């Protein structure tokens, strides 16, 4: 999953997951890598996670936006 941003200063990124209980921030683990980067990499995600929604919060000097949600398939 990748989120690109245009803006003056370097943007910051925070990926979130919604497993049905609302969005929560995620951190790098054995499954997640790049949770504070423009590309989130998932490795060996359990099949029970299929359908979870992921989005990225991008913050620049111009404000904060949420990317559209993307389901894990």
Protein backbone atom coordinates (compact mmCIF):
# COMPACT_ATOMS: atom_id res chain seq x y z
CA UNK A 1 0.00 0.00 0.00
CA UNK A 2 1.41 3.40 -0.92
CA UNK A 3 0.32 6.94 -0.14
CA UNK A 4 1.97 9.89 -1.93
CA UNK A 5 1.84 13.51 -0.82
CA UNK A 6 2.81 16.81 -2.40
CA UNK A 7 3.71 19.70 -0.14
CA UNK A 8 6.42 22.08 0.99
CA UNK A 9 8.09 20.28 3.90
CA UNK A 10 8.64 16.58 4.22
CA UNK A 11 5.33 14.95 5.14
CA UNK A 12 4.85 12.61 8.08
CA UNK A 13 2.92 9.38 7.77
CA UNK A 14 0.99 7.21 10.21
CA UNK A 15 -0.74 4.07 9.03
CA UNK A 16 -3.87 2.86 10.75
CA UNK A 17 -5.95 -0.32 10.72
CA UNK A 18 -9.66 -0.83 11.32
CA UNK A 19 -10.42 -4.41 12.34
CA UNK A 20 -14.07 -3.60 12.93
CA UNK A 21 -13.59 -1.62 16.14
CA UNK A 22 -12.48 1.70 14.59
CA UNK A 23 -9.13 2.94 13.33
CA UNK A 24 -6.03 2.58 15.50
CA UNK A 25 -2.40 3.49 14.83
CA UNK A 26 -0.11 0.60 14.00
CA UNK A 27 3.59 0.14 14.78
CA UNK A 28 6.30 -1.88 13.07
CA UNK A 29 6.11 -5.57 13.99
CA UNK A 30 6.98 -8.88 12.37
CA UNK A 31 3.90 -8.35 10.15
CA UNK A 32 4.00 -4.56 9.63
CA UNK A 33 6.91 -2.57 8.22
CA UNK A 34 6.88 1.09 7.20
CA UNK A 35 4.14 2.24 9.56
CA UNK A 36 5.61 5.77 9.50
CA UNK A 37 6.49 5.80 5.79
CA UNK A 38 4.59 6.34 2.54
CA UNK A 39 4.50 2.59 1.86
CA UNK A 40 3.16 0.01 4.31
CA UNK A 41 4.45 -3.53 3.86
CA UNK A 42 2.65 -6.52 5.35
CA UNK A 43 4.43 -9.87 5.59
CA UNK A 44 2.62 -13.11 6.36
CA UNK A 45 -0.60 -11.45 7.52
CA UNK A 46 -2.97 -14.08 8.92
CA UNK A 47 -6.02 -14.86 6.77
CA UNK A 48 -8.23 -13.69 9.66
CA UNK A 49 -7.03 -10.15 8.85
CA UNK A 50 -8.47 -10.26 5.32
CA UNK A 51 -11.03 -7.49 5.04
CA UNK A 52 -9.35 -5.24 7.61
CA UNK A 53 -9.24 -1.64 6.36
CA UNK A 54 -6.00 0.34 6.16
CA UNK A 55 -5.50 4.06 5.71
CA UNK A 56 -2.64 6.52 6.02
CA UNK A 57 -2.75 9.84 7.84
CA UNK A 58 -0.48 12.28 6.00
CA UNK A 59 0.54 15.51 7.71
CA UNK A 60 2.28 18.39 5.93
CA UNK A 61 2.69 22.07 6.63
CA UNK A 62 -0.59 22.50 4.75
CA UNK A 63 -2.61 20.23 7.03
CA UNK A 64 -3.61 16.62 7.59
CA UNK A 65 -5.46 14.27 5.25
CA UNK A 66 -6.59 10.67 5.49
CA UNK A 67 -6.09 8.40 2.51
CA UNK A 68 -9.09 6.41 1.27
CA UNK A 69 -9.40 3.08 3.11
CA UNK A 70 -8.01 -0.02 1.40
CA UNK A 71 -9.05 -3.55 2.43
CA UNK A 72 -6.49 -6.29 2.93
CA UNK A 73 -7.12 -9.06 0.40
